[in-house]
């Protein structure tokens, strides 16, 4: 019996180790993917800063998409750009840093229980947030260059980090829509059976 219980203990230890290794492997793949996305963002910004003069516009898709080098001192739509540097930079870097650390903690802590679209959303948002955080901390501003417009009407100028964040938010919305539909189905099933 002692030998048998030792054998079962070894089986459980191997299963626990296998589970731990699978979880680690999944997290490693996620972090490698995020590093690749972050590198894509950072290299694109370096390329733009080194090769495209500030405010130069190069049409990519006429009347819709241009390559335009600008420096954004604020956040979305230049919000907070007018604050003085001693207030603006620590504020934006601090808020971004807290958000990034919170998202990484959430991803690591709840990864097993998150649905696919929420995990994917975080895997896109985190490198986007880190990419813009690096710019703010290092340069005090973010390099933007993807200019969306409709003829003379300019929508916004983004960078790859902003696009990653937008893709991640879509993942969150998909989760919200799916959860809402599930809840509606459950409510309709409950009302039918009552």
Protein backbone atom coordinates (compact mmCIF):
# COMPACT_ATOMS: atom_id res chain seq x y z
CA UNK A 1 0.00 0.00 0.00
CA UNK A 2 2.85 2.40 0.79
CA UNK A 3 4.44 1.70 -2.61
CA UNK A 4 1.08 2.17 -4.30
CA UNK A 5 0.42 5.52 -2.57
CA UNK A 6 3.93 6.69 -3.50
CA UNK A 7 3.23 5.73 -7.11
CA UNK A 8 -0.04 7.70 -7.09
CA UNK A 9 1.75 10.65 -5.50
CA UNK A 10 4.32 10.56 -8.30
CA UNK A 11 1.52 10.49 -10.89
CA UNK A 12 -0.15 13.52 -9.29
CA UNK A 13 3.18 15.34 -9.11
CA UNK A 14 3.82 14.65 -12.80
CA UNK A 15 0.32 15.83 -13.72
CA UNK A 16 0.79 19.01 -11.67
CA UNK A 17 4.18 19.57 -13.29
CA UNK A 18 2.73 18.98 -16.75
CA UNK A 19 -0.10 21.44 -16.03
CA UNK A 20 2.38 24.01 -14.75
CA UNK A 21 4.61 23.55 -17.81
CA UNK A 22 1.61 23.94 -20.17
CA UNK A 23 0.57 27.13 -18.38
CA UNK A 24 4.14 28.48 -18.48
CA UNK A 25 4.45 27.59 -22.18
CA UNK A 26 1.20 29.44 -22.96
CA UNK A 27 2.33 32.51 -21.02
CA UNK A 28 5.76 32.40 -22.69
CA UNK A 29 4.13 32.34 -26.13
CA UNK A 30 1.87 35.24 -25.12
CA UNK A 31 4.78 37.35 -23.90
CA UNK A 32 6.89 36.56 -26.98
CA UNK A 33 3.94 37.63 -29.15
CA UNK A 34 3.60 40.85 -27.17
CA UNK A 35 7.34 41.52 -27.53
CA UNK A 36 7.09 41.07 -31.30
CA UNK A 37 4.18 43.55 -31.47
CA UNK A 38 6.06 46.00 -29.23
CA UNK A 39 9.17 45.71 -31.44
CA UNK A 40 7.05 46.35 -34.55
CA UNK A 41 5.69 49.51 -32.92
CA UNK A 42 9.05 50.77 -31.71
CA UNK A 43 10.92 50.06 -34.97
CA UNK A 44 8.20 51.78 -37.00
CA UNK A 45 8.46 54.87 -34.78
CA UNK A 46 12.25 54.90 -35.03
CA UNK A 47 12.00 54.60 -38.81
CA UNK A 48 9.52 57.50 -38.98
CA UNK A 49 11.61 59.74 -36.69
CA UNK A 50 14.78 59.00 -38.68
CA UNK A 51 13.45 59.17 -42.26
CA UNK A 52 10.31 61.33 -42.46
CA UNK A 53 10.53 65.05 -41.75
CA UNK A 54 8.09 66.38 -39.18
CA UNK A 55 4.65 67.18 -40.71
CA UNK A 56 5.55 65.75 -44.12
CA UNK A 57 2.56 64.01 -45.72
CA UNK A 58 2.94 61.10 -48.16
CA UNK A 59 -0.31 59.68 -49.60
CA UNK A 60 -0.58 55.88 -49.33
CA UNK A 61 -4.25 55.52 -50.34
CA UNK A 62 -5.35 58.79 -51.98
CA UNK A 63 -7.88 60.77 -49.94
CA UNK A 64 -7.97 58.13 -47.22
CA UNK A 65 -4.58 57.15 -45.75
CA UNK A 66 -1.36 59.13 -45.53
CA UNK A 67 2.00 58.70 -43.89
CA UNK A 68 2.35 61.90 -41.83
CA UNK A 69 4.98 62.39 -39.12
CA UNK A 70 3.68 64.26 -36.06
CA UNK A 71 4.62 64.31 -32.39
CA UNK A 72 1.65 64.02 -30.01
CA UNK A 73 2.32 65.55 -26.59
CA UNK A 74 -0.99 64.33 -25.18
CA UNK A 75 -3.10 61.21 -25.43
CA UNK A 76 -5.94 60.46 -27.88
CA UNK A 77 -6.79 63.48 -30.04
CA UNK A 78 -3.96 65.40 -28.25
CA UNK A 79 -5.95 65.51 -25.00
CA UNK A 80 -3.80 67.01 -22.17
CA UNK A 81 -1.16 68.20 -24.68
CA UNK A 82 -1.34 71.76 -23.34
CA UNK A 83 -0.29 70.88 -19.80
CA UNK A 84 3.19 71.96 -18.74
CA UNK A 85 5.85 69.22 -19.09
CA UNK A 86 6.54 68.90 -15.32
CA UNK A 87 2.86 67.97 -14.85
CA UNK A 88 2.00 66.31 -18.17
CA UNK A 89 4.87 63.83 -18.50
CA UNK A 90 4.76 62.35 -14.96
CA UNK A 91 0.95 62.24 -15.11
CA UNK A 92 0.78 60.42 -18.44
CA UNK A 93 3.72 58.13 -17.67
CA UNK A 94 2.33 57.33 -14.21
CA UNK A 95 -1.20 56.58 -15.41
CA UNK A 96 0.14 54.49 -18.30
CA UNK A 97 2.49 52.56 -16.02
CA UNK A 98 -0.27 51.77 -13.52
CA UNK A 99 -2.55 50.63 -16.37
CA UNK A 100 0.13 48.40 -17.93
CA UNK A 101 1.07 46.78 -14.61
CA UNK A 102 -2.62 46.23 -13.84
CA UNK A 103 -3.29 44.60 -17.20
CA UNK A 104 -0.24 42.34 -16.95
CA UNK A 105 -1.26 41.28 -13.44
CA UNK A 106 -4.82 40.63 -14.60
CA UNK A 107 -3.62 38.58 -17.59
CA UNK A 108 -1.29 36.46 -15.46
CA UNK A 109 -3.69 36.04 -12.54
CA UNK A 110 -6.88 35.28 -14.49
CA UNK A 111 -5.52 33.87 -17.76
CA UNK A 112 -7.09 30.45 -17.22
CA UNK A 113 -10.58 31.90 -16.70
CA UNK A 114 -10.52 34.58 -19.42
CA UNK A 115 -12.29 33.88 -22.67
CA UNK A 116 -10.30 33.89 -25.91
CA UNK A 117 -11.32 37.39 -27.02
CA UNK A 118 -10.44 39.00 -23.68
CA UNK A 119 -7.03 37.28 -23.68
CA UNK A 120 -6.41 38.38 -27.25
CA UNK A 121 -7.59 41.88 -26.40
CA UNK A 122 -5.04 42.11 -23.59
CA UNK A 123 -2.32 40.62 -25.81
CA UNK A 124 -2.84 43.52 -28.22
CA UNK A 125 -3.52 46.33 -25.72
CA UNK A 126 -0.51 45.67 -23.47
CA UNK A 127 2.21 46.08 -26.13
CA UNK A 128 0.35 49.09 -27.54
CA UNK A 129 0.21 50.74 -24.12
CA UNK A 130 3.87 49.88 -23.43
CA UNK A 131 4.90 51.27 -26.84
CA UNK A 132 3.31 54.64 -26.16
CA UNK A 133 4.57 54.57 -22.55
CA UNK A 134 8.14 54.18 -23.83
CA UNK A 135 7.70 57.19 -26.11
CA UNK A 136 6.22 59.34 -23.35
CA UNK A 137 8.88 58.36 -20.81
CA UNK A 138 11.81 58.71 -23.23
CA UNK A 139 10.77 61.61 -25.48
CA UNK A 140 7.95 63.29 -23.57
CA UNK A 141 5.68 62.75 -26.59
CA UNK A 142 4.44 59.99 -28.88
CA UNK A 143 5.39 59.60 -32.53
CA UNK A 144 2.28 59.27 -34.71
CA UNK A 145 2.29 58.71 -38.46
CA UNK A 146 -0.76 56.75 -39.74
CA UNK A 147 -3.09 59.53 -40.91
CA UNK A 148 -6.70 58.56 -41.61
CA UNK A 149 -8.75 61.12 -43.52
CA UNK A 150 -11.58 61.48 -45.99
CA UNK A 151 -10.47 63.94 -48.64
CA UNK A 152 -9.85 67.17 -46.69
CA UNK A 153 -11.49 65.93 -43.48
CA UNK A 154 -8.84 64.55 -41.09
CA UNK A 155 -9.99 61.92 -38.61
CA UNK A 156 -6.83 61.24 -36.61
CA UNK A 157 -3.16 60.37 -36.83
CA UNK A 158 -2.17 57.10 -35.15
CA UNK A 159 0.77 54.81 -34.74
CA UNK A 160 1.00 51.02 -34.58
CA UNK A 161 0.60 51.07 -30.78
CA UNK A 162 -2.72 52.92 -31.16
CA UNK A 163 -3.86 50.39 -33.77
CA UNK A 164 -2.95 47.51 -31.43
CA UNK A 165 -4.95 49.12 -28.63
CA UNK A 166 -7.94 49.56 -30.98
CA UNK A 167 -7.77 45.90 -32.05
CA UNK A 168 -7.62 44.86 -28.39
CA UNK A 169 -10.67 46.95 -27.55
CA UNK A 170 -12.56 45.18 -30.35
CA UNK A 171 -11.72 41.90 -28.57
CA UNK A 172 -13.28 43.28 -25.38
CA UNK A 173 -16.40 44.37 -27.26
CA UNK A 174 -16.77 40.92 -28.82
CA UNK A 175 -16.67 39.44 -25.32
CA UNK A 176 -19.28 41.92 -24.08
CA UNK A 177 -21.59 41.22 -27.01
CA UNK A 178 -21.24 37.44 -26.62
CA UNK A 179 -21.89 37.62 -22.87
CA UNK A 180 -24.94 39.81 -23.44
CA UNK A 181 -26.35 37.39 -26.02
CA UNK A 182 -25.73 34.45 -23.67
CA UNK A 183 -27.51 36.26 -20.86
CA UNK A 184 -30.46 37.04 -23.14
CA UNK A 185 -30.65 33.39 -24.19
CA UNK A 186 -30.57 32.25 -20.57
CA UNK A 187 -33.28 34.75 -19.62
CA UNK A 188 -35.48 33.65 -22.53
CA UNK A 189 -34.94 29.98 -21.60
CA UNK A 190 -35.89 30.76 -18.00
CA UNK A 191 -39.05 32.66 -19.01
CA UNK A 192 -40.12 29.86 -21.39
CA UNK A 193 -39.70 27.16 -18.75
CA UNK A 194 -41.60 29.19 -16.11
